[in-house]
Protein backbone atom coordinates (compact mmCIF):
# COMPACT_ATOMS: atom_id res chain seq x y z
CA MET A 1 71.19 8.93 -3.26
CA LYS A 2 72.25 7.44 0.08
CA THR A 3 69.68 5.25 1.85
CA ILE A 4 69.45 5.76 5.61
CA LEU A 5 67.72 3.31 7.94
CA VAL A 6 66.00 5.24 10.74
CA PRO A 7 64.78 3.05 13.64
CA GLY A 8 62.46 5.15 15.78
CA GLY A 9 61.88 7.49 12.85
CA ALA A 10 58.24 8.17 13.75
CA GLY A 11 59.14 9.61 17.17
CA TYR A 12 59.67 13.24 18.16
CA ILE A 13 63.30 13.80 17.10
CA GLY A 14 63.23 10.97 14.55
CA SER A 15 60.32 12.43 12.56
CA HIS A 16 61.90 15.87 12.33
CA THR A 17 65.17 14.25 11.27
CA VAL A 18 63.42 12.28 8.52
CA LEU A 19 62.13 15.56 7.07
CA ASP A 20 65.61 17.07 7.20
CA LEU A 21 67.15 13.98 5.57
CA ILE A 22 64.71 14.23 2.65
CA LYS A 23 65.45 17.96 2.31
CA LYS A 24 69.19 17.21 2.25
CA GLY A 25 68.85 14.59 -0.51
CA PHE A 26 68.89 11.34 1.50
CA ASN A 27 66.44 8.45 1.20
CA PRO A 28 65.20 7.55 4.70
CA ILE A 29 63.56 4.23 5.57
CA ILE A 30 61.65 4.31 8.87
CA VAL A 31 61.55 1.32 11.22
CA ASP A 32 59.19 1.76 14.16
CA ASP A 33 56.98 -0.43 16.32
CA PHE A 34 54.85 2.62 17.25
CA SER A 35 55.05 1.75 20.96
CA ASN A 36 55.98 5.36 21.71
CA SER A 37 54.82 7.06 18.50
CA ASN A 38 51.84 7.14 16.16
CA LYS A 39 51.41 5.65 12.70
CA LYS A 40 49.69 8.89 11.58
CA VAL A 41 53.15 10.48 11.58
CA ILE A 42 54.10 8.58 8.41
CA THR A 43 51.26 10.13 6.42
CA ILE A 44 52.00 13.59 7.84
CA LEU A 45 55.68 13.28 6.90
CA GLU A 46 54.71 12.28 3.36
CA ASP A 47 52.39 15.29 3.12
CA LEU A 48 55.03 17.69 4.44
CA SER A 49 57.84 16.34 2.28
CA GLY A 50 55.84 15.52 -0.85
CA THR A 51 57.64 12.16 -0.85
CA LYS A 52 56.52 8.56 -0.46
CA ILE A 53 58.38 7.22 2.60
CA SER A 54 59.27 3.55 3.01
CA PHE A 55 58.56 2.19 6.47
CA TYR A 56 58.48 -1.11 8.31
CA GLU A 57 56.43 -1.72 11.45
CA LEU A 58 58.97 -3.66 13.48
CA ASP A 59 60.67 -3.87 16.86
CA VAL A 60 64.44 -3.56 16.31
CA LYS A 61 64.98 -6.48 18.71
CA ASN A 62 63.42 -8.67 16.00
CA LYS A 63 66.58 -10.00 14.33
CA GLU A 64 64.84 -11.88 11.50
CA GLY A 65 62.69 -8.86 10.71
CA LEU A 66 65.78 -6.65 10.56
CA ARG A 67 67.58 -9.19 8.38
CA LYS A 68 64.68 -9.00 5.91
CA ILE A 69 64.91 -5.19 5.82
CA PHE A 70 68.66 -5.21 5.20
CA SER A 71 68.32 -7.89 2.51
CA GLU A 72 65.56 -5.94 0.69
CA ASN A 73 67.35 -2.58 0.72
CA LYS A 74 70.87 -1.33 0.10
CA ILE A 75 71.42 0.52 3.36
CA ASP A 76 74.30 3.03 3.46
CA ALA A 77 73.98 4.16 7.09
CA VAL A 78 71.79 3.96 10.19
CA ILE A 79 70.53 6.65 12.57
CA ASN A 80 69.20 4.94 15.68
CA PHE A 81 66.43 6.66 17.67
CA ALA A 82 64.81 3.40 18.81
CA GLY A 83 65.11 3.75 22.57
CA PHE A 84 62.77 4.40 25.47
CA LYS A 85 63.52 7.85 26.90
CA ALA A 86 61.41 8.75 29.97
CA VAL A 87 63.65 9.14 33.02
CA GLY A 88 60.88 8.57 35.59
CA GLU A 89 59.58 5.49 33.80
CA SER A 90 63.11 4.07 33.62
CA VAL A 91 63.36 4.28 37.42
CA GLU A 92 60.04 2.44 37.78
CA LYS A 93 60.74 -0.14 35.05
CA PRO A 94 64.53 -0.58 34.78
CA LEU A 95 64.41 -4.06 33.21
CA MET A 96 62.18 -2.80 30.41
CA TYR A 97 64.69 -0.03 29.65
CA TYR A 98 67.75 -2.27 29.76
CA GLU A 99 66.07 -4.90 27.58
CA ASN A 100 64.74 -2.48 24.97
CA ASN A 101 67.59 0.00 24.70
CA LEU A 102 70.52 -2.40 25.00
CA PHE A 103 69.19 -5.49 23.22
CA GLY A 104 67.73 -3.33 20.46
CA MET A 105 71.06 -1.67 19.81
CA ILE A 106 73.06 -4.89 19.94
CA THR A 107 70.66 -6.61 17.51
CA LEU A 108 70.86 -3.66 15.16
CA LEU A 109 74.68 -3.66 15.25
CA GLU A 110 74.78 -7.41 14.59
CA MET A 111 72.65 -6.96 11.47
CA MET A 112 74.75 -4.00 10.32
CA LYS A 113 77.88 -6.12 10.68
CA GLU A 114 76.29 -9.04 8.82
CA PHE A 115 75.43 -6.79 5.85
CA ASN A 116 78.66 -4.77 6.07
CA VAL A 117 76.92 -1.48 6.88
CA LYS A 118 79.52 0.27 9.06
CA ASN A 119 78.11 3.83 9.34
CA ILE A 120 75.93 4.72 12.32
CA VAL A 121 74.77 7.84 14.15
CA PHE A 122 73.54 7.08 17.67
CA SER A 123 71.00 9.19 19.56
CA SER A 124 72.85 9.75 22.84
CA SER A 125 72.32 12.35 25.54
CA ALA A 126 74.04 14.91 27.74
CA THR A 127 72.84 12.65 30.56
CA VAL A 128 76.08 10.69 30.10
CA TYR A 129 78.00 13.50 31.84
CA GLY A 130 76.20 12.63 35.08
CA ILE A 131 76.23 14.86 38.14
CA SER A 132 78.91 17.50 37.67
CA ASP A 133 79.28 21.16 38.61
CA LYS A 134 81.68 21.80 35.72
CA VAL A 135 80.20 23.73 32.80
CA PRO A 136 80.13 23.87 29.87
CA PHE A 137 80.21 20.14 29.19
CA VAL A 138 82.91 19.13 26.71
CA GLU A 139 83.19 15.77 24.91
CA THR A 140 86.54 15.10 26.61
CA ASP A 141 84.84 15.21 30.03
CA PRO A 142 84.50 11.73 31.55
CA MET A 143 81.12 10.06 31.54
CA GLY A 144 79.96 10.59 35.10
CA GLU A 145 77.70 9.21 37.79
CA VAL A 146 74.33 8.79 36.09
CA THR A 147 71.30 8.72 38.38
CA ASN A 148 68.74 6.72 36.37
CA PRO A 149 68.51 3.60 34.15
CA TYR A 150 67.69 5.65 31.03
CA GLY A 151 70.98 7.53 31.32
CA ARG A 152 72.90 4.36 32.14
CA THR A 153 71.70 2.74 28.92
CA LYS A 154 73.20 5.68 27.02
CA VAL A 155 76.54 5.27 28.84
CA ILE A 156 76.58 1.50 28.26
CA ILE A 157 75.75 1.88 24.56
CA GLU A 158 78.46 4.49 24.05
CA ASN A 159 80.93 2.06 25.64
CA ILE A 160 79.70 -0.73 23.35
CA LEU A 161 80.21 1.53 20.34
CA MET A 162 83.71 2.51 21.49
CA ASP A 163 84.65 -1.14 21.96
CA LEU A 164 83.24 -2.01 18.54
CA ALA A 165 85.25 0.76 16.88
CA LYS A 166 88.43 -0.43 18.61
CA SER A 167 87.85 -4.02 17.51
CA ASP A 168 87.17 -3.16 13.85
CA LYS A 169 88.74 -0.04 12.33
CA THR A 170 86.26 0.02 9.43
CA TRP A 171 83.40 1.28 11.61
CA ASN A 172 82.37 4.95 11.40
CA ILE A 173 80.37 5.88 14.50
CA ILE A 174 79.09 9.19 15.86
CA ALA A 175 77.25 9.49 19.18
CA LEU A 176 75.34 12.77 19.23
CA ARG A 177 74.91 13.97 22.79
CA TYR A 178 71.74 16.09 22.82
CA PHE A 179 71.00 18.65 25.44
CA ASN A 180 67.31 19.66 25.91
CA PRO A 181 65.16 19.38 22.76
CA LEU A 182 62.36 21.91 22.43
CA GLY A 183 60.12 23.17 19.62
CA ALA A 184 58.22 21.55 16.78
CA HIS A 185 57.93 21.69 13.01
CA GLU A 186 56.80 25.14 11.87
CA SER A 187 53.69 23.62 10.27
CA GLY A 188 52.41 22.58 13.70
CA ARG A 189 51.66 19.11 12.33
CA ILE A 190 54.38 17.16 14.16
CA GLY A 191 55.75 17.77 17.63
CA GLU A 192 56.43 16.18 21.00
CA ASP A 193 53.57 13.88 22.06
CA PRO A 194 54.64 12.05 25.24
CA ASN A 195 52.70 9.16 26.71
CA GLY A 196 51.02 10.08 30.01
CA ILE A 197 52.31 12.92 32.20
CA PRO A 198 55.18 14.62 30.35
CA ASN A 199 58.68 14.09 31.69
CA ASN A 200 60.15 17.07 29.84
CA LEU A 201 59.57 20.74 30.67
CA SER A 202 58.22 21.97 27.33
CA PRO A 203 55.26 19.59 26.83
CA TYR A 204 54.38 19.97 30.51
CA ILE A 205 54.14 23.77 30.11
CA THR A 206 52.13 23.57 26.89
CA GLN A 207 49.74 20.99 28.35
CA VAL A 208 49.12 23.34 31.30
CA ALA A 209 48.59 26.21 28.84
CA VAL A 210 46.09 24.19 26.79
CA GLY A 211 44.20 23.10 29.92
CA LYS A 212 45.16 19.40 30.07
CA LEU A 213 47.19 19.84 33.26
CA GLU A 214 46.47 22.13 36.19
CA LYS A 215 49.84 23.77 36.84
CA LEU A 216 53.55 23.43 36.22
CA HIS A 217 55.69 21.93 38.97
CA ILE A 218 59.10 23.61 39.28
CA PHE A 219 61.54 21.52 41.28
CA GLY A 220 63.52 23.90 43.48
CA ASN A 221 64.04 27.67 43.46
CA ASP A 222 67.03 27.79 45.80
CA TYR A 223 69.83 26.92 43.37
CA ASN A 224 72.79 29.26 42.97
CA THR A 225 71.42 30.78 39.74
CA THR A 226 70.01 34.17 38.76
CA ASP A 227 66.44 33.31 39.79
CA GLY A 228 67.05 30.18 41.88
CA THR A 229 65.75 27.69 39.29
CA CYS A 230 67.84 25.21 37.31
CA ILE A 231 69.54 26.38 34.11
CA ARG A 232 69.55 24.14 31.06
CA ASP A 233 70.67 24.25 27.43
CA PHE A 234 67.60 24.14 25.16
CA ILE A 235 67.89 23.41 21.44
CA HIS A 236 65.24 23.48 18.72
CA VAL A 237 64.34 20.05 17.39
CA ASN A 238 64.91 21.34 13.83
CA ASP A 239 68.49 22.22 14.79
CA LEU A 240 68.90 18.70 16.20
CA ALA A 241 67.53 17.22 12.99
CA ALA A 242 70.01 19.23 10.91
CA GLY A 243 72.79 17.95 13.18
CA HIS A 244 72.01 14.37 12.15
CA SER A 245 72.22 15.16 8.45
CA ALA A 246 75.52 16.94 9.07
CA ALA A 247 76.81 13.93 11.04
CA LEU A 248 75.96 11.62 8.13
CA ASN A 249 77.84 13.81 5.68
CA TYR A 250 80.85 13.73 8.00
CA LEU A 251 80.69 9.92 8.21
CA PHE A 252 80.51 9.53 4.43
CA ASN A 253 83.42 11.93 3.90
CA ASN A 254 85.72 10.41 6.56
CA LYS A 255 86.39 6.68 6.32
CA ASN A 256 87.84 4.65 9.20
CA LEU A 257 86.63 7.32 11.55
CA GLY A 258 86.23 5.06 14.56
CA PHE A 259 84.10 6.56 17.35
CA GLU A 260 83.32 10.24 17.87
CA ALA A 261 81.09 11.76 20.55
CA ILE A 262 79.73 15.19 19.61
CA ASN A 263 77.59 17.60 21.65
CA LEU A 264 74.54 19.21 20.07
CA GLY A 265 73.48 22.20 22.14
CA SER A 266 72.87 25.93 21.85
CA GLU A 267 75.74 26.80 24.24
CA LYS A 268 73.26 29.05 26.10
CA GLY A 269 71.70 28.45 29.49
CA TYR A 270 68.07 29.31 30.24
CA SER A 271 66.48 28.95 33.66
CA VAL A 272 63.18 27.13 34.13
CA LEU A 273 61.47 30.45 34.92
CA GLU A 274 62.95 32.06 31.80
CA ILE A 275 61.51 29.24 29.69
CA LEU A 276 58.15 29.62 31.44
CA HIS A 277 58.03 33.38 30.82
CA ASN A 278 58.96 32.92 27.16
CA PHE A 279 56.11 30.43 26.84
CA GLU A 280 53.76 32.94 28.47
CA LYS A 281 54.69 35.46 25.75
CA ALA A 282 54.03 32.85 23.05
CA VAL A 283 50.72 31.74 24.60
CA GLY A 284 49.57 35.26 25.51
CA LYS A 285 48.64 34.53 29.13
CA GLU A 286 50.13 33.63 32.50
CA ILE A 287 50.78 29.94 33.12
CA PRO A 288 50.18 28.76 36.71
CA TYR A 289 53.03 27.05 38.53
CA ILE A 290 54.06 25.84 41.95
CA ILE A 291 57.49 25.46 43.52
CA ASP A 292 58.21 21.94 44.77
CA ALA A 293 61.25 20.51 46.52
CA ARG A 294 64.39 19.80 44.50
CA ARG A 295 64.54 16.53 42.60
CA ALA A 296 67.30 14.11 43.51
CA GLY A 297 70.09 14.19 40.93
CA ASP A 298 69.30 17.61 39.46
CA ILE A 299 72.30 19.90 39.02
CA ALA A 300 72.09 23.70 39.08
CA VAL A 301 73.56 24.51 35.67
CA CYS A 302 74.01 22.45 32.50
CA TYR A 303 74.94 23.68 29.04
CA ALA A 304 77.06 22.53 26.12
CA ASP A 305 80.34 23.40 24.54
CA ALA A 306 79.37 22.75 20.92
CA SER A 307 82.66 23.86 19.32
CA LYS A 308 83.40 20.30 18.15
CA ALA A 309 80.14 20.20 16.18
CA LYS A 310 81.04 23.54 14.58
CA LYS A 311 84.52 22.31 13.66
CA LEU A 312 83.74 18.79 12.43
CA LEU A 313 80.16 19.05 11.20
CA ASN A 314 79.98 22.74 10.24
CA TRP A 315 76.87 22.85 12.43
CA GLU A 316 75.56 25.26 15.03
CA ALA A 317 72.17 26.00 16.57
CA LYS A 318 70.27 28.73 14.70
CA TYR A 319 66.87 28.93 16.37
CA THR A 320 66.20 31.28 19.31
CA ILE A 321 64.37 30.48 22.54
CA GLU A 322 61.45 32.56 21.20
CA ASP A 323 61.34 30.33 18.11
CA MET A 324 61.33 27.19 20.27
CA CYS A 325 58.48 28.35 22.51
CA ARG A 326 56.42 29.67 19.58
CA ASP A 327 56.71 26.43 17.63
CA SER A 328 56.01 24.22 20.66
CA TRP A 329 52.88 26.19 21.44
CA ASN A 330 51.79 26.16 17.79
CA TRP A 331 51.96 22.34 17.81
CA GLN A 332 50.10 21.98 21.14
CA LYS A 333 47.44 24.57 20.23
CA LYS A 334 46.67 22.79 16.96
CA ASN A 335 46.86 19.33 18.58
CA PRO A 336 45.63 19.62 22.19
CA ASN A 337 45.52 15.83 22.47
CA GLY A 338 48.61 15.21 20.36
CA PHE A 339 48.19 12.65 17.59
CA LYS A 340 45.11 11.25 19.36
CA ASN A 341 42.92 13.99 17.85
């Protein structure tokens, strides 16, 4: 059984991935400082999986703490989710984002090198494509002009990983470029629980539906799209989780891989209003919204070409938009205050 170190494994995508790893026969070890997650998640994951899960409460910038973890366990690979991810917060606190996301990754890579663990899957983002009118986005597209510090940390880290792979041919690195995660575990026991006002569309809609927020703010309805609102590629978090397990299998079966960037998306575009109306069907009532001015940096249409994931990983998105909205609402309805209940 391969042992996988999962920094940030108690977070939204990390927790769903841990469940998928267990289902696929891996042994995950969670490392999390719970700065953007909740310790209750560990117990819930153990209940859902029927497995005792090893975890360390640690900031990945803590080199000595990481060294202890690597010395106590035979780690076969790492999946790194340990990064701050709120775009708006990154604009307000850029130094915090650069320190956490970059130093955390560099420290982790140094420990991996010290213990000769050369397999890593990095949680990247479609943000790296920047502002571009060309769709669908393909991995061979250049990394573009990114409009916020969060996205820039993803670009910088991908460049670090590429340089590392060039310098040492024994590294096996995959950067998974996610599009827009949505949904929750079908049990309704884990889901997206952002700090403060949500930055992403889905938790904002569900928090309006559950009465925590007054109305949804839609930024612009004058784009050149079917209904004037932005179009995005939404993907169920369970599909994303399965993509990580598939990426690990590819790493283990292909030595001296170097660096590969791979899109994970549904290859379908849904407008903001389409997502809203699908949520209204799931919730069973109208959800109030208001049209605001466009946000700086938003592009009209963004969706993935995921053919590389199909070819290399034998992976493709399976869940529908109805599944995503149903599962997101199920989580929010059962946990109106998230893990703070």
